[in-house]
Amino acid sequence: MLAKRWKCTFVDTDALFKKTIGLTVGDYIREYGEPKFRETELGVLRSALDSYDIVSTGGGIISTPEAREVLKSNVTFWLDCDDAVIVERTATGDRPLLGDNPAQGIIALREKREDLYREVARARIDASGKLVQVLNRLTKEYKKVSQ
């Protein structure tokens, strides 16, 4: 919706990953493991940033120092909301890193990643509520950091 509003190009790295590699992120992680996935994901991120104006990434993209450096060199926002909302939004997806208890998995991942999100993000955007509200918050923050 943001790309449509701003009349620019958009890609989600998970979708680009599947298109480029031929496996979903979940299938790739189960087959090759997370370290190999993160290495491959970095290449997909670089390709996305070379070709698209807006790039949406998975939450674990900040796991490697190389990816964090790439993200810091671009305008990057951290879309965040309460853990309960994240659990609800990820309930239907294929999320092998959340384990058998998604609520506990979200808490554990937040503990590991929160400081890394702060490191790369120009701002934290409240991603709760309706999508149009999130887009308005994002647009407001983008105007602040691009002045």
N, C-alpha and C. Protein backbone atom coordinates (compact mmCIF):
# COMPACT_ATOMS: atom_id res chain seq x y z
N MET A 1 0.82 -1.20 0.00
CA MET A 1 0.00 0.00 0.00
C MET A 1 0.86 1.26 0.00
N LEU A 2 1.97 1.22 0.70
CA LEU A 2 2.86 2.38 0.75
C LEU A 2 3.44 2.67 -0.64
N ALA A 3 3.88 1.65 -1.33
CA ALA A 3 4.43 1.84 -2.67
C ALA A 3 3.37 2.40 -3.61
N LYS A 4 2.16 1.94 -3.47
CA LYS A 4 1.07 2.46 -4.31
C LYS A 4 0.83 3.93 -3.99
N ARG A 5 0.83 4.25 -2.70
CA ARG A 5 0.61 5.64 -2.27
C ARG A 5 1.72 6.55 -2.79
N TRP A 6 2.96 6.08 -2.72
CA TRP A 6 4.11 6.89 -3.15
C TRP A 6 4.46 6.72 -4.63
N LYS A 7 3.71 5.83 -5.32
CA LYS A 7 3.94 5.57 -6.74
C LYS A 7 5.38 5.13 -7.01
N CYS A 8 5.79 4.07 -6.32
CA CYS A 8 7.14 3.55 -6.49
C CYS A 8 7.11 2.03 -6.43
N THR A 9 8.27 1.43 -6.60
CA THR A 9 8.34 -0.04 -6.65
C THR A 9 8.50 -0.63 -5.25
N PHE A 10 8.06 -1.89 -5.12
CA PHE A 10 8.06 -2.57 -3.83
C PHE A 10 8.37 -4.05 -4.02
N VAL A 11 9.09 -4.62 -3.05
CA VAL A 11 9.26 -6.07 -3.00
C VAL A 11 9.40 -6.50 -1.55
N ASP A 12 8.91 -7.70 -1.28
CA ASP A 12 9.11 -8.34 0.00
C ASP A 12 10.24 -9.34 -0.18
N THR A 13 11.24 -9.31 0.68
CA THR A 13 12.39 -10.20 0.47
C THR A 13 12.03 -11.67 0.58
N ASP A 14 11.03 -12.02 1.38
CA ASP A 14 10.63 -13.43 1.45
C ASP A 14 10.06 -13.89 0.11
N ALA A 15 9.25 -13.05 -0.53
CA ALA A 15 8.70 -13.40 -1.85
C ALA A 15 9.81 -13.45 -2.89
N LEU A 16 10.74 -12.49 -2.83
CA LEU A 16 11.85 -12.49 -3.77
C LEU A 16 12.76 -13.70 -3.54
N PHE A 17 12.93 -14.09 -2.28
CA PHE A 17 13.71 -15.26 -1.95
C PHE A 17 13.12 -16.49 -2.63
N LYS A 18 11.81 -16.67 -2.48
CA LYS A 18 11.14 -17.84 -3.09
C LYS A 18 11.27 -17.81 -4.61
N LYS A 19 11.08 -16.64 -5.20
CA LYS A 19 11.18 -16.49 -6.66
C LYS A 19 12.60 -16.78 -7.15
N THR A 20 13.59 -16.30 -6.42
CA THR A 20 14.99 -16.44 -6.82
C THR A 20 15.55 -17.82 -6.52
N ILE A 21 15.28 -18.34 -5.34
CA ILE A 21 15.87 -19.58 -4.86
C ILE A 21 15.00 -20.80 -5.18
N GLY A 22 13.70 -20.58 -5.25
CA GLY A 22 12.80 -21.68 -5.58
C GLY A 22 12.25 -22.42 -4.38
N LEU A 23 12.56 -21.95 -3.18
CA LEU A 23 12.03 -22.54 -1.95
C LEU A 23 11.48 -21.42 -1.07
N THR A 24 10.47 -21.75 -0.27
CA THR A 24 10.02 -20.77 0.71
C THR A 24 11.10 -20.64 1.78
N VAL A 25 11.03 -19.57 2.53
CA VAL A 25 11.99 -19.36 3.62
C VAL A 25 11.93 -20.53 4.60
N GLY A 26 10.73 -20.93 5.00
CA GLY A 26 10.58 -22.04 5.95
C GLY A 26 11.19 -23.33 5.43
N ASP A 27 10.91 -23.66 4.17
CA ASP A 27 11.47 -24.87 3.58
C ASP A 27 12.99 -24.80 3.50
N TYR A 28 13.51 -23.64 3.15
CA TYR A 28 14.96 -23.48 3.03
C TYR A 28 15.63 -23.65 4.40
N ILE A 29 15.05 -23.05 5.43
CA ILE A 29 15.62 -23.16 6.78
C ILE A 29 15.61 -24.62 7.23
N ARG A 30 14.50 -25.31 7.00
CA ARG A 30 14.43 -26.72 7.41
C ARG A 30 15.44 -27.57 6.65
N GLU A 31 15.68 -27.25 5.39
CA GLU A 31 16.59 -28.06 4.58
C GLU A 31 18.07 -27.74 4.80
N TYR A 32 18.38 -26.44 4.92
CA TYR A 32 19.79 -26.02 4.97
C TYR A 32 20.23 -25.40 6.30
N GLY A 33 19.28 -25.06 7.15
CA GLY A 33 19.61 -24.44 8.44
C GLY A 33 19.60 -22.93 8.37
N GLU A 34 19.49 -22.32 9.54
CA GLU A 34 19.41 -20.86 9.60
C GLU A 34 20.69 -20.16 9.15
N PRO A 35 21.89 -20.62 9.53
CA PRO A 35 23.10 -19.90 9.08
C PRO A 35 23.20 -19.80 7.55
N LYS A 36 22.94 -20.89 6.85
CA LYS A 36 22.98 -20.86 5.38
C LYS A 36 21.88 -19.96 4.84
N PHE A 37 20.71 -20.00 5.48
CA PHE A 37 19.62 -19.12 5.06
C PHE A 37 20.03 -17.66 5.18
N ARG A 38 20.63 -17.28 6.30
CA ARG A 38 21.01 -15.88 6.51
C ARG A 38 22.02 -15.42 5.45
N GLU A 39 22.92 -16.28 5.07
CA GLU A 39 23.90 -15.97 4.02
C GLU A 39 23.18 -15.73 2.68
N THR A 40 22.27 -16.60 2.34
CA THR A 40 21.53 -16.48 1.08
C THR A 40 20.59 -15.28 1.13
N GLU A 41 19.97 -15.07 2.28
CA GLU A 41 19.06 -13.94 2.47
C GLU A 41 19.77 -12.61 2.24
N LEU A 42 21.03 -12.51 2.65
CA LEU A 42 21.80 -11.28 2.46
C LEU A 42 21.93 -10.95 0.97
N GLY A 43 22.19 -11.94 0.15
CA GLY A 43 22.26 -11.72 -1.29
C GLY A 43 20.93 -11.25 -1.86
N VAL A 44 19.84 -11.83 -1.36
CA VAL A 44 18.51 -11.41 -1.81
C VAL A 44 18.25 -9.97 -1.38
N LEU A 45 18.64 -9.60 -0.16
CA LEU A 45 18.47 -8.23 0.31
C LEU A 45 19.22 -7.25 -0.58
N ARG A 46 20.46 -7.54 -0.88
CA ARG A 46 21.26 -6.65 -1.74
C ARG A 46 20.61 -6.49 -3.11
N SER A 47 20.16 -7.59 -3.67
CA SER A 47 19.49 -7.55 -4.97
C SER A 47 18.22 -6.71 -4.90
N ALA A 48 17.45 -6.87 -3.84
CA ALA A 48 16.22 -6.11 -3.67
C ALA A 48 16.50 -4.62 -3.59
N LEU A 49 17.50 -4.25 -2.80
CA LEU A 49 17.81 -2.82 -2.63
C LEU A 49 18.36 -2.20 -3.92
N ASP A 50 18.96 -3.00 -4.77
CA ASP A 50 19.44 -2.51 -6.06
C ASP A 50 18.32 -2.29 -7.06
N SER A 51 17.18 -2.96 -6.85
CA SER A 51 16.13 -2.97 -7.87
C SER A 51 14.81 -2.34 -7.46
N TYR A 52 14.59 -2.11 -6.18
CA TYR A 52 13.28 -1.63 -5.72
C TYR A 52 13.44 -0.42 -4.81
N ASP A 53 12.37 0.41 -4.78
CA ASP A 53 12.38 1.60 -3.94
C ASP A 53 12.05 1.28 -2.48
N ILE A 54 11.07 0.41 -2.26
CA ILE A 54 10.67 0.00 -0.92
C ILE A 54 10.88 -1.50 -0.80
N VAL A 55 11.58 -1.89 0.27
CA VAL A 55 11.88 -3.30 0.50
C VAL A 55 11.39 -3.67 1.89
N SER A 56 10.54 -4.68 1.94
CA SER A 56 10.06 -5.23 3.20
C SER A 56 10.86 -6.49 3.49
N THR A 57 11.35 -6.61 4.71
CA THR A 57 12.18 -7.77 5.06
C THR A 57 11.53 -8.58 6.17
N GLY A 58 12.01 -9.78 6.33
CA GLY A 58 11.62 -10.59 7.47
C GLY A 58 12.29 -10.04 8.72
N GLY A 59 11.75 -10.37 9.87
CA GLY A 59 12.24 -9.83 11.13
C GLY A 59 13.64 -10.25 11.52
N GLY A 60 14.12 -11.37 10.98
CA GLY A 60 15.44 -11.86 11.35
C GLY A 60 16.56 -11.35 10.48
N ILE A 61 16.25 -10.49 9.52
CA ILE A 61 17.27 -9.98 8.59
C ILE A 61 18.43 -9.31 9.34
N ILE A 62 18.15 -8.80 10.52
CA ILE A 62 19.17 -8.07 11.28
C ILE A 62 20.10 -9.01 12.05
N SER A 63 19.96 -10.30 11.84
CA SER A 63 20.74 -11.29 12.60
C SER A 63 22.23 -11.28 12.29
N THR A 64 22.61 -10.85 11.10
CA THR A 64 24.03 -10.86 10.74
C THR A 64 24.59 -9.43 10.66
N PRO A 65 25.84 -9.25 11.06
CA PRO A 65 26.44 -7.92 10.99
C PRO A 65 26.43 -7.34 9.57
N GLU A 66 26.64 -8.19 8.56
CA GLU A 66 26.66 -7.71 7.18
C GLU A 66 25.31 -7.13 6.78
N ALA A 67 24.24 -7.82 7.13
CA ALA A 67 22.90 -7.32 6.80
C ALA A 67 22.61 -6.02 7.56
N ARG A 68 23.05 -5.93 8.81
CA ARG A 68 22.83 -4.70 9.57
C ARG A 68 23.55 -3.52 8.91
N GLU A 69 24.75 -3.74 8.43
CA GLU A 69 25.48 -2.66 7.75
C GLU A 69 24.74 -2.22 6.49
N VAL A 70 24.24 -3.17 5.73
CA VAL A 70 23.47 -2.83 4.52
C VAL A 70 22.23 -2.02 4.91
N LEU A 71 21.53 -2.47 5.92
CA LEU A 71 20.31 -1.77 6.34
C LEU A 71 20.61 -0.37 6.88
N LYS A 72 21.70 -0.23 7.64
CA LYS A 72 22.05 1.09 8.18
C LYS A 72 22.40 2.08 7.08
N SER A 73 22.86 1.58 5.94
CA SER A 73 23.22 2.49 4.84
C SER A 73 22.00 2.89 4.01
N ASN A 74 20.83 2.44 4.41
CA ASN A 74 19.57 2.80 3.76
C ASN A 74 18.62 3.34 4.81
N VAL A 75 17.55 3.98 4.37
CA VAL A 75 16.54 4.44 5.31
C VAL A 75 15.73 3.22 5.74
N THR A 76 15.91 2.84 6.99
CA THR A 76 15.31 1.62 7.52
C THR A 76 14.44 1.96 8.72
N PHE A 77 13.22 1.40 8.72
CA PHE A 77 12.31 1.58 9.84
C PHE A 77 12.01 0.23 10.47
N TRP A 78 11.83 0.24 11.76
CA TRP A 78 11.46 -0.95 12.52
C TRP A 78 9.96 -0.88 12.78
N LEU A 79 9.21 -1.76 12.12
CA LEU A 79 7.77 -1.85 12.36
C LEU A 79 7.56 -2.81 13.52
N ASP A 80 6.99 -2.32 14.60
CA ASP A 80 6.89 -3.12 15.82
C ASP A 80 5.51 -2.96 16.44
N CYS A 81 5.11 -3.97 17.18
CA CYS A 81 3.87 -3.91 17.95
C CYS A 81 3.96 -4.93 19.09
N ASP A 82 2.92 -4.97 19.89
CA ASP A 82 2.91 -5.89 21.03
C ASP A 82 3.09 -7.33 20.56
N ASP A 83 3.71 -8.13 21.41
CA ASP A 83 3.95 -9.54 21.08
C ASP A 83 2.66 -10.28 20.75
N ALA A 84 1.58 -9.99 21.47
CA ALA A 84 0.31 -10.67 21.21
C ALA A 84 -0.17 -10.41 19.78
N VAL A 85 0.02 -9.21 19.29
CA VAL A 85 -0.37 -8.87 17.92
C VAL A 85 0.52 -9.61 16.93
N ILE A 86 1.79 -9.70 17.23
CA ILE A 86 2.72 -10.42 16.35
C ILE A 86 2.34 -11.90 16.29
N VAL A 87 2.03 -12.48 17.43
CA VAL A 87 1.62 -13.89 17.46
C VAL A 87 0.38 -14.08 16.59
N GLU A 88 -0.58 -13.19 16.73
CA GLU A 88 -1.81 -13.29 15.94
C GLU A 88 -1.52 -13.16 14.44
N ARG A 89 -0.66 -12.21 14.08
CA ARG A 89 -0.37 -11.97 12.66
C ARG A 89 0.48 -13.08 12.03
N THR A 90 1.24 -13.78 12.83
CA THR A 90 2.10 -14.84 12.28
C THR A 90 1.49 -16.23 12.44
N ALA A 91 0.29 -16.30 12.98
CA ALA A 91 -0.32 -17.60 13.28
C ALA A 91 -0.51 -18.48 12.04
N THR A 92 -0.79 -17.90 10.91
CA THR A 92 -1.06 -18.70 9.72
C THR A 92 0.17 -18.92 8.85
N GLY A 93 1.27 -18.32 9.18
CA GLY A 93 2.47 -18.46 8.35
C GLY A 93 3.32 -19.66 8.74
N ASP A 94 4.28 -19.95 7.89
CA ASP A 94 5.24 -21.03 8.14
C ASP A 94 6.44 -20.40 8.83
N ARG A 95 6.55 -20.56 10.13
CA ARG A 95 7.56 -19.89 10.96
C ARG A 95 8.37 -20.89 11.77
N PRO A 96 9.31 -21.60 11.14
CA PRO A 96 10.05 -22.63 11.88
C PRO A 96 10.87 -22.09 13.05
N LEU A 97 11.28 -20.83 13.00
CA LEU A 97 12.10 -20.29 14.09
C LEU A 97 11.29 -19.99 15.35
N LEU A 98 9.95 -20.03 15.25
CA LEU A 98 9.12 -19.80 16.44
C LEU A 98 8.95 -21.06 17.28
N GLY A 99 9.27 -22.21 16.72
CA GLY A 99 9.17 -23.46 17.47
C GLY A 99 7.73 -23.88 17.71
N ASP A 100 7.55 -24.75 18.70
CA ASP A 100 6.23 -25.31 18.99
C ASP A 100 5.32 -24.36 19.76
N ASN A 101 5.89 -23.35 20.39
CA ASN A 101 5.11 -22.39 21.16
C ASN A 101 5.39 -20.99 20.59
N PRO A 102 4.59 -20.54 19.61
CA PRO A 102 4.85 -19.25 18.96
C PRO A 102 4.94 -18.06 19.91
N ALA A 103 4.12 -18.03 20.95
CA ALA A 103 4.17 -16.91 21.89
C ALA A 103 5.53 -16.85 22.58
N GLN A 104 6.03 -18.00 23.05
CA GLN A 104 7.35 -18.05 23.67
C GLN A 104 8.44 -17.76 22.63
N GLY A 105 8.25 -18.23 21.41
CA GLY A 105 9.21 -17.98 20.34
C GLY A 105 9.35 -16.49 20.04
N ILE A 106 8.24 -15.79 20.01
CA ILE A 106 8.25 -14.34 19.76
C ILE A 106 9.01 -13.63 20.88
N ILE A 107 8.74 -14.01 22.11
CA ILE A 107 9.43 -13.39 23.26
C ILE A 107 10.94 -13.62 23.15
N ALA A 108 11.33 -14.86 22.86
CA ALA A 108 12.75 -15.20 22.76
C ALA A 108 13.42 -14.43 21.62
N LEU A 109 12.75 -14.36 20.48
CA LEU A 109 13.34 -13.63 19.35
C LEU A 109 13.45 -12.14 19.64
N ARG A 110 12.45 -11.57 20.30
CA ARG A 110 12.52 -10.15 20.65
C ARG A 110 13.72 -9.89 21.56
N GLU A 111 13.92 -10.75 22.54
CA GLU A 111 15.06 -10.58 23.45
C GLU A 111 16.38 -10.59 22.69
N LYS A 112 16.49 -11.47 21.71
CA LYS A 112 17.72 -11.57 20.92
C LYS A 112 17.89 -10.42 19.94
N ARG A 113 16.78 -9.87 19.44
CA ARG A 113 16.85 -8.96 18.31
C ARG A 113 16.58 -7.49 18.60
N GLU A 114 15.94 -7.18 19.71
CA GLU A 114 15.48 -5.81 19.95
C GLU A 114 16.59 -4.77 19.83
N ASP A 115 17.73 -5.01 20.44
CA ASP A 115 18.83 -4.05 20.34
C ASP A 115 19.35 -3.93 18.91
N LEU A 116 19.29 -5.02 18.15
CA LEU A 116 19.73 -4.99 16.76
C LEU A 116 18.79 -4.16 15.91
N TYR A 117 17.48 -4.24 16.18
CA TYR A 117 16.52 -3.39 15.47
C TYR A 117 16.82 -1.92 15.74
N ARG A 118 17.08 -1.62 17.00
CA ARG A 118 17.38 -0.23 17.37
C ARG A 118 18.65 0.26 16.67
N GLU A 119 19.61 -0.64 16.51
CA GLU A 119 20.88 -0.30 15.86
C GLU A 119 20.68 0.13 14.41
N VAL A 120 19.80 -0.51 13.67
CA VAL A 120 19.68 -0.23 12.24
C VAL A 120 18.56 0.74 11.89
N ALA A 121 17.55 0.87 12.74
CA ALA A 121 16.36 1.65 12.38
C ALA A 121 16.55 3.14 12.63
N ARG A 122 16.06 3.91 11.69
CA ARG A 122 16.02 5.36 11.89
C ARG A 122 14.93 5.73 12.89
N ALA A 123 13.88 4.89 12.94
CA ALA A 123 12.79 5.10 13.89
C ALA A 123 12.02 3.80 14.08
N ARG A 124 11.40 3.67 15.24
CA ARG A 124 10.49 2.55 15.51
C ARG A 124 9.10 3.04 15.20
N ILE A 125 8.39 2.29 14.37
CA ILE A 125 7.02 2.64 13.99
C ILE A 125 6.06 1.68 14.67
N ASP A 126 5.06 2.23 15.33
CA ASP A 126 4.02 1.40 15.93
C ASP A 126 3.21 0.78 14.79
N ALA A 127 3.28 -0.54 14.67
CA ALA A 127 2.61 -1.24 13.57
C ALA A 127 1.29 -1.86 14.00
N SER A 128 0.77 -1.44 15.15
CA SER A 128 -0.52 -1.96 15.58
C SER A 128 -1.63 -1.13 14.95
N GLY A 129 -2.82 -1.67 14.99
CA GLY A 129 -3.96 -0.96 14.43
C GLY A 129 -4.17 -1.25 12.96
N LYS A 130 -4.93 -0.39 12.33
CA LYS A 130 -5.26 -0.57 10.91
C LYS A 130 -4.07 -0.20 10.04
N LEU A 131 -3.99 -0.85 8.90
CA LEU A 131 -2.87 -0.64 8.00
C LEU A 131 -2.74 0.82 7.57
N VAL A 132 -3.83 1.49 7.34
CA VAL A 132 -3.76 2.89 6.94
C VAL A 132 -3.13 3.75 8.05
N GLN A 133 -3.38 3.39 9.32
CA GLN A 133 -2.76 4.11 10.43
C GLN A 133 -1.25 3.89 10.44
N VAL A 134 -0.84 2.66 10.18
CA VAL A 134 0.59 2.35 10.13
C VAL A 134 1.25 3.12 8.99
N LEU A 135 0.60 3.15 7.84
CA LEU A 135 1.14 3.90 6.70
C LEU A 135 1.28 5.38 7.02
N ASN A 136 0.31 5.94 7.70
CA ASN A 136 0.39 7.36 8.07
C ASN A 136 1.54 7.61 9.04
N ARG A 137 1.73 6.71 10.01
CA ARG A 137 2.86 6.85 10.94
C ARG A 137 4.19 6.75 10.21
N LEU A 138 4.27 5.80 9.30
CA LEU A 138 5.49 5.60 8.53
C LEU A 138 5.81 6.82 7.66
N THR A 139 4.80 7.35 6.99
CA THR A 139 4.99 8.54 6.15
C THR A 139 5.47 9.72 6.99
N LYS A 140 4.87 9.90 8.16
CA LYS A 140 5.27 10.99 9.07
C LYS A 140 6.73 10.85 9.48
N GLU A 141 7.15 9.63 9.87
CA GLU A 141 8.52 9.41 10.28
C GLU A 141 9.50 9.57 9.10
N TYR A 142 9.08 9.13 7.94
CA TYR A 142 9.95 9.27 6.76
C TYR A 142 10.20 10.75 6.47
N LYS A 143 9.17 11.56 6.58
CA LYS A 143 9.34 13.00 6.35
C LYS A 143 10.33 13.60 7.35
N LYS A 144 10.29 13.13 8.60
CA LYS A 144 11.22 13.63 9.62
C LYS A 144 12.67 13.28 9.29
N VAL A 145 12.91 12.05 8.90
CA VAL A 145 14.30 11.63 8.69
C VAL A 145 14.86 12.06 7.34
N SER A 146 13.99 12.43 6.41
CA SER A 146 14.49 12.80 5.09
C SER A 146 14.66 14.31 4.93
N GLN A 147 14.42 15.07 5.98
CA GLN A 147 14.57 16.54 5.90
C GLN A 147 16.01 16.94 6.04
